[in-house]
Protein backbone atom coordinates (compact mmCIF):
# COMPACT_ATOMS: atom_id res chain seq x y z
CA MET A 1 -15.96 -266.95 -107.93
CA THR A 2 -18.50 -264.47 -106.61
CA ASP A 3 -20.51 -263.52 -109.68
CA THR A 4 -23.50 -265.81 -109.39
CA LYS A 5 -24.73 -265.20 -112.94
CA GLU A 6 -21.32 -266.11 -114.36
CA LEU A 7 -21.22 -269.20 -112.17
CA LEU A 8 -24.66 -270.33 -113.38
CA LYS A 9 -23.62 -269.67 -116.97
CA GLN A 10 -20.57 -271.90 -116.52
CA VAL A 11 -22.77 -274.62 -115.04
CA ALA A 12 -25.09 -274.40 -118.05
CA GLU A 13 -22.11 -274.65 -120.41
CA GLY A 14 -20.72 -277.63 -118.54
CA ALA A 15 -17.54 -275.83 -117.48
CA VAL A 16 -18.43 -276.17 -113.79
CA SER A 17 -20.16 -279.13 -112.21
CA VAL A 18 -23.37 -278.75 -110.20
CA GLU A 19 -21.56 -280.05 -107.12
CA ASP A 20 -18.73 -277.52 -107.42
CA ALA A 21 -21.19 -274.69 -108.00
CA LEU A 22 -23.20 -275.72 -104.95
CA LEU A 23 -20.03 -275.79 -102.86
CA THR A 24 -19.11 -272.30 -104.06
CA LEU A 25 -22.54 -270.92 -103.17
CA LYS A 26 -22.42 -272.54 -99.74
CA ARG A 27 -18.96 -271.11 -99.09
CA GLU A 28 -19.63 -267.60 -100.36
CA PRO A 29 -22.60 -266.17 -98.36
CA TYR A 30 -20.29 -264.24 -96.05
CA VAL A 31 -16.68 -263.76 -95.03
CA ASP A 32 -15.73 -263.78 -91.34
CA MET A 33 -13.02 -261.17 -90.80
CA GLY A 34 -13.10 -261.37 -87.03
CA TYR A 35 -14.37 -257.83 -86.55
CA ALA A 36 -16.89 -258.02 -89.41
CA ASN A 37 -18.98 -260.64 -91.24
CA LEU A 38 -19.27 -259.42 -94.81
CA ASP A 39 -22.55 -260.29 -96.53
CA LEU A 40 -21.49 -261.24 -100.06
CA HIS A 41 -24.98 -262.31 -101.16
CA ARG A 42 -26.68 -259.00 -100.38
CA ARG A 43 -26.34 -257.80 -103.97
CA LEU A 44 -28.03 -261.00 -105.14
CA ARG A 45 -30.87 -260.64 -102.62
CA LYS A 46 -31.31 -256.87 -102.58
CA GLY A 47 -29.87 -255.60 -105.87
CA SER A 48 -27.16 -253.58 -104.10
CA SER A 49 -24.01 -254.64 -102.27
CA GLU A 50 -23.54 -254.27 -98.52
CA VAL A 51 -23.03 -250.65 -97.44
CA ILE A 52 -20.27 -249.83 -94.96
CA TYR A 53 -21.36 -247.66 -92.02
CA GLY A 54 -18.23 -245.65 -91.26
CA ALA A 55 -19.14 -244.25 -87.85
CA GLY A 56 -17.73 -246.34 -85.03
CA LYS A 57 -15.25 -248.15 -87.27
CA ASN A 58 -11.61 -247.15 -87.42
CA ALA A 59 -9.78 -246.50 -90.68
CA GLU A 60 -7.99 -249.86 -90.58
CA GLN A 61 -11.29 -251.73 -90.31
CA ILE A 62 -12.88 -249.76 -93.14
CA ALA A 63 -9.87 -250.26 -95.41
CA GLY A 64 -9.85 -253.98 -94.58
CA ILE A 65 -13.55 -254.36 -95.39
CA LEU A 66 -13.17 -252.43 -98.64
CA THR A 67 -10.20 -254.53 -99.68
CA MET A 68 -12.01 -257.80 -98.97
CA LEU A 69 -15.16 -256.73 -100.81
CA MET A 70 -13.09 -255.68 -103.81
CA GLN A 71 -11.21 -258.98 -103.78
CA LYS A 72 -14.60 -260.70 -103.88
CA GLY A 73 -15.58 -258.79 -107.01
CA GLN A 74 -17.60 -255.95 -105.50
CA ASP A 75 -15.88 -252.86 -106.87
CA ASN A 76 -18.78 -250.41 -106.46
CA ILE A 77 -19.10 -249.83 -102.70
CA LEU A 78 -20.77 -247.11 -100.63
CA VAL A 79 -19.32 -245.97 -97.29
CA THR A 80 -21.53 -243.67 -95.17
CA ARG A 81 -20.77 -241.39 -92.20
CA LEU A 82 -17.10 -241.08 -93.09
CA ASP A 83 -15.56 -237.83 -91.86
CA GLN A 84 -12.68 -236.11 -93.64
CA ASP A 85 -9.89 -237.31 -91.32
CA LYS A 86 -11.00 -240.93 -91.47
CA TYR A 87 -11.39 -240.74 -95.24
CA ASP A 88 -7.86 -239.38 -95.60
CA ALA A 89 -6.55 -242.29 -93.52
CA VAL A 90 -8.51 -244.87 -95.53
CA LYS A 91 -7.35 -243.36 -98.81
CA ALA A 92 -3.71 -243.48 -97.67
CA MET A 93 -4.08 -247.18 -96.85
CA LEU A 94 -5.79 -248.10 -100.13
CA GLY A 95 -3.45 -246.05 -102.31
CA THR A 96 -4.32 -245.45 -105.96
CA ALA A 97 -5.29 -249.05 -106.77
CA PHE A 98 -8.98 -248.46 -106.08
CA PRO A 99 -10.70 -245.49 -107.77
CA GLU A 100 -12.98 -243.64 -105.37
CA THR A 101 -14.87 -240.38 -104.90
CA TYR A 102 -15.41 -238.57 -101.61
CA TYR A 103 -18.44 -236.33 -101.02
CA LYS A 104 -17.43 -234.18 -98.07
CA ASN A 105 -20.81 -232.60 -97.35
CA ALA A 106 -22.55 -235.98 -97.45
CA ARG A 107 -19.70 -237.74 -95.59
CA ILE A 108 -19.84 -240.50 -98.19
CA MET A 109 -17.16 -242.34 -100.12
CA ILE A 110 -17.97 -244.39 -103.23
CA THR A 111 -15.55 -246.75 -104.93
CA GLY A 112 -15.95 -247.38 -108.64
CA GLU A 113 -18.56 -245.69 -110.80
CA ASN A 114 -22.19 -244.86 -110.01
CA ARG A 115 -24.57 -246.99 -112.01
CA LYS A 116 -26.48 -245.22 -114.74
CA PRO A 117 -29.98 -244.00 -113.75
CA ASP A 118 -32.46 -246.81 -114.27
CA GLY A 119 -35.33 -245.75 -112.00
CA VAL A 120 -38.80 -245.08 -113.34
CA GLY A 121 -38.78 -241.35 -112.57
CA THR A 122 -37.11 -238.60 -110.57
CA VAL A 123 -36.65 -238.49 -106.80
CA ALA A 124 -36.90 -234.99 -105.32
CA VAL A 125 -34.78 -234.27 -102.25
CA VAL A 126 -36.30 -231.27 -100.47
CA THR A 127 -34.96 -229.41 -97.43
CA ALA A 128 -36.51 -226.85 -95.15
CA GLY A 129 -33.24 -225.01 -94.57
CA THR A 130 -29.61 -224.80 -95.60
CA SER A 131 -28.63 -226.41 -92.28
CA ASP A 132 -30.44 -229.58 -93.40
CA ILE A 133 -28.26 -229.97 -96.51
CA PRO A 134 -25.69 -232.42 -95.04
CA VAL A 135 -28.47 -234.95 -94.37
CA ALA A 136 -29.99 -234.13 -97.77
CA GLU A 137 -26.69 -234.74 -99.53
CA GLU A 138 -26.36 -238.10 -97.80
CA ALA A 139 -29.75 -238.93 -99.30
CA ALA A 140 -29.04 -237.45 -102.73
CA VAL A 141 -25.63 -239.09 -103.19
CA THR A 142 -27.03 -242.44 -102.03
CA LEU A 143 -29.91 -242.11 -104.51
CA GLU A 144 -27.50 -241.42 -107.37
CA TYR A 145 -25.35 -244.38 -106.31
CA LEU A 146 -28.47 -246.57 -106.46
CA GLY A 147 -29.32 -245.44 -110.01
CA ASN A 148 -31.82 -242.59 -109.57
CA GLU A 149 -32.23 -239.18 -111.17
CA VAL A 150 -32.26 -236.65 -108.32
CA ASP A 151 -33.79 -233.17 -108.20
CA ARG A 152 -32.34 -231.15 -105.32
CA ILE A 153 -34.75 -228.52 -103.96
CA TYR A 154 -33.07 -226.86 -100.98
CA ASP A 155 -34.00 -224.15 -98.45
CA VAL A 156 -37.75 -223.98 -99.12
CA GLY A 157 -39.10 -224.27 -95.58
CA VAL A 158 -42.37 -222.98 -94.17
CA ALA A 159 -40.77 -219.80 -92.80
CA GLY A 160 -41.04 -218.53 -96.39
CA LEU A 161 -43.73 -220.66 -97.98
CA HIS A 162 -43.59 -218.80 -101.31
CA ARG A 163 -40.18 -220.40 -101.95
CA LEU A 164 -41.81 -223.84 -101.92
CA LEU A 165 -44.87 -222.82 -103.93
CA ASN A 166 -42.62 -221.43 -106.67
CA ARG A 167 -41.32 -224.98 -107.16
CA THR A 168 -44.66 -226.78 -107.19
CA ASP A 169 -44.16 -228.06 -110.75
CA ARG A 170 -40.90 -229.77 -109.81
CA LEU A 171 -42.49 -231.29 -106.71
CA MET A 172 -45.41 -232.69 -108.69
CA LYS A 173 -43.15 -234.21 -111.36
CA ALA A 174 -41.27 -236.33 -108.82
CA ARG A 175 -42.16 -240.00 -108.45
CA VAL A 176 -40.94 -240.03 -104.84
CA LEU A 177 -39.98 -237.18 -102.50
CA VAL A 178 -37.54 -237.19 -99.61
CA VAL A 179 -38.42 -234.22 -97.39
CA ILE A 180 -35.87 -233.18 -94.79
CA ALA A 181 -36.52 -230.71 -91.97
CA GLY A 182 -35.50 -229.90 -88.43
CA MET A 183 -37.07 -227.40 -85.99
CA GLU A 184 -40.79 -228.31 -85.96
CA GLY A 185 -40.60 -230.49 -89.09
CA ALA A 186 -43.66 -228.95 -90.73
CA LEU A 187 -42.38 -229.12 -94.31
CA ALA A 188 -43.19 -232.81 -94.75
CA SER A 189 -46.89 -232.24 -94.05
CA VAL A 190 -47.04 -229.26 -96.41
CA VAL A 191 -45.37 -231.19 -99.25
CA GLY A 192 -47.54 -234.22 -98.50
CA GLY A 193 -50.61 -232.07 -99.02
CA LEU A 194 -49.41 -230.88 -102.45
CA VAL A 195 -48.30 -234.05 -104.23
CA ASN A 196 -49.74 -237.44 -105.16
CA ALA A 197 -46.44 -239.30 -104.75
CA PRO A 198 -45.00 -240.98 -101.65
CA VAL A 199 -43.25 -238.61 -99.25
CA ILE A 200 -40.48 -239.97 -97.03
CA ALA A 201 -39.87 -237.53 -94.19
CA VAL A 202 -36.48 -237.19 -92.51
CA PRO A 203 -36.34 -235.25 -89.22
CA THR A 204 -32.98 -233.62 -88.56
CA SER A 205 -31.26 -232.67 -85.33
CA VAL A 206 -31.22 -229.01 -86.43
CA GLY A 207 -32.90 -226.57 -84.05
CA TYR A 208 -32.86 -224.82 -80.69
CA GLY A 209 -33.25 -226.44 -77.27
CA ALA A 210 -36.92 -227.46 -77.40
CA SER A 211 -36.33 -229.27 -80.67
CA PHE A 212 -34.57 -231.91 -78.52
CA ASN A 213 -32.00 -232.78 -81.20
CA GLY A 214 -34.65 -233.72 -83.73
CA LEU A 215 -37.20 -235.41 -81.48
CA SER A 216 -39.68 -232.56 -81.95
CA ALA A 217 -39.46 -232.83 -85.74
CA LEU A 218 -39.73 -236.64 -85.55
CA LEU A 219 -42.93 -236.47 -83.50
CA SER A 220 -44.41 -233.78 -85.77
CA MET A 221 -43.74 -235.87 -88.86
CA LEU A 222 -45.17 -239.01 -87.25
CA ASN A 223 -48.31 -237.01 -86.48
CA SER A 224 -48.63 -235.60 -90.02
CA CYS A 225 -52.22 -235.18 -91.15
CA ALA A 226 -51.17 -235.39 -94.83
CA SER A 227 -51.75 -238.77 -96.45
CA GLY A 228 -48.82 -240.65 -97.95
CA VAL A 229 -46.13 -239.44 -95.54
CA SER A 230 -43.85 -242.02 -93.94
CA VAL A 231 -40.99 -241.24 -91.56
CA VAL A 232 -37.47 -242.53 -90.98
CA ASN A 233 -35.19 -241.94 -88.02
CA ILE A 234 -33.50 -238.65 -87.11
CA ASP A 235 -30.79 -237.62 -89.61
CA ASN A 236 -31.23 -240.89 -91.53
CA GLY A 237 -30.73 -239.60 -95.06
CA PHE A 238 -29.35 -242.95 -96.18
CA GLY A 239 -32.39 -244.91 -94.97
CA ALA A 240 -34.79 -242.52 -96.68
CA ALA A 241 -32.82 -242.71 -99.92
CA TYR A 242 -32.78 -246.50 -99.94
CA GLN A 243 -36.54 -246.66 -99.45
CA ALA A 244 -37.14 -244.01 -102.11
CA SER A 245 -34.94 -245.93 -104.54
CA LEU A 246 -36.90 -249.14 -103.97
CA ILE A 247 -40.14 -247.28 -104.74
CA ASN A 248 -38.65 -245.60 -107.82
CA HIS A 249 -37.48 -248.94 -109.21
CA MET A 250 -40.82 -250.73 -108.78
């Protein structure tokens, strides 16, 4: 029995003893699979189940983790950094028993249904260029999975500032903004100077040699002179989305 609310309800109704409920809670915090320790109480603590990071895991491990989580009652699961070949292998192992959706551009698989939007407002996901869209889609799909309305505003970088200024109304309506840029990473500062909402900047590894695979954008964003700009790691669309979702649900 993994649904804590149902367990507590049964205790209240007298169907389960306090001792048996306590034993269940002690036994259920995690499952040791040898190659993974699955955190079954993360949904209770954080409001969202454990996310599977697909990079570095083989298809057998991912399928095994998914199967165990589903057996424990967690049917809505997010898998990040899952390329097409690995997804195909995982899907073949799981068969048709578990409904899932694959977002190729975001490299994300989601089992079950996204929860309905229950955030306070809209989260804008803004990119400097088209090349930043894969990281942006990782953020946008994660935000939707976590119950947020998302406004995608793509390819509005500082090389053509009028493109951004034409969307000022949409920027100002957002409760949180995730701003994604490579090269010199200037877009986060510009957006931060236009809006009164938190801006979460994501540097990407897009750019020529002196961009140092995103390090230049990371340092530029960390040195932003605009107030209200915070920064996550290079290409970390998922991390930015999770933080934006927490803000949007406060």
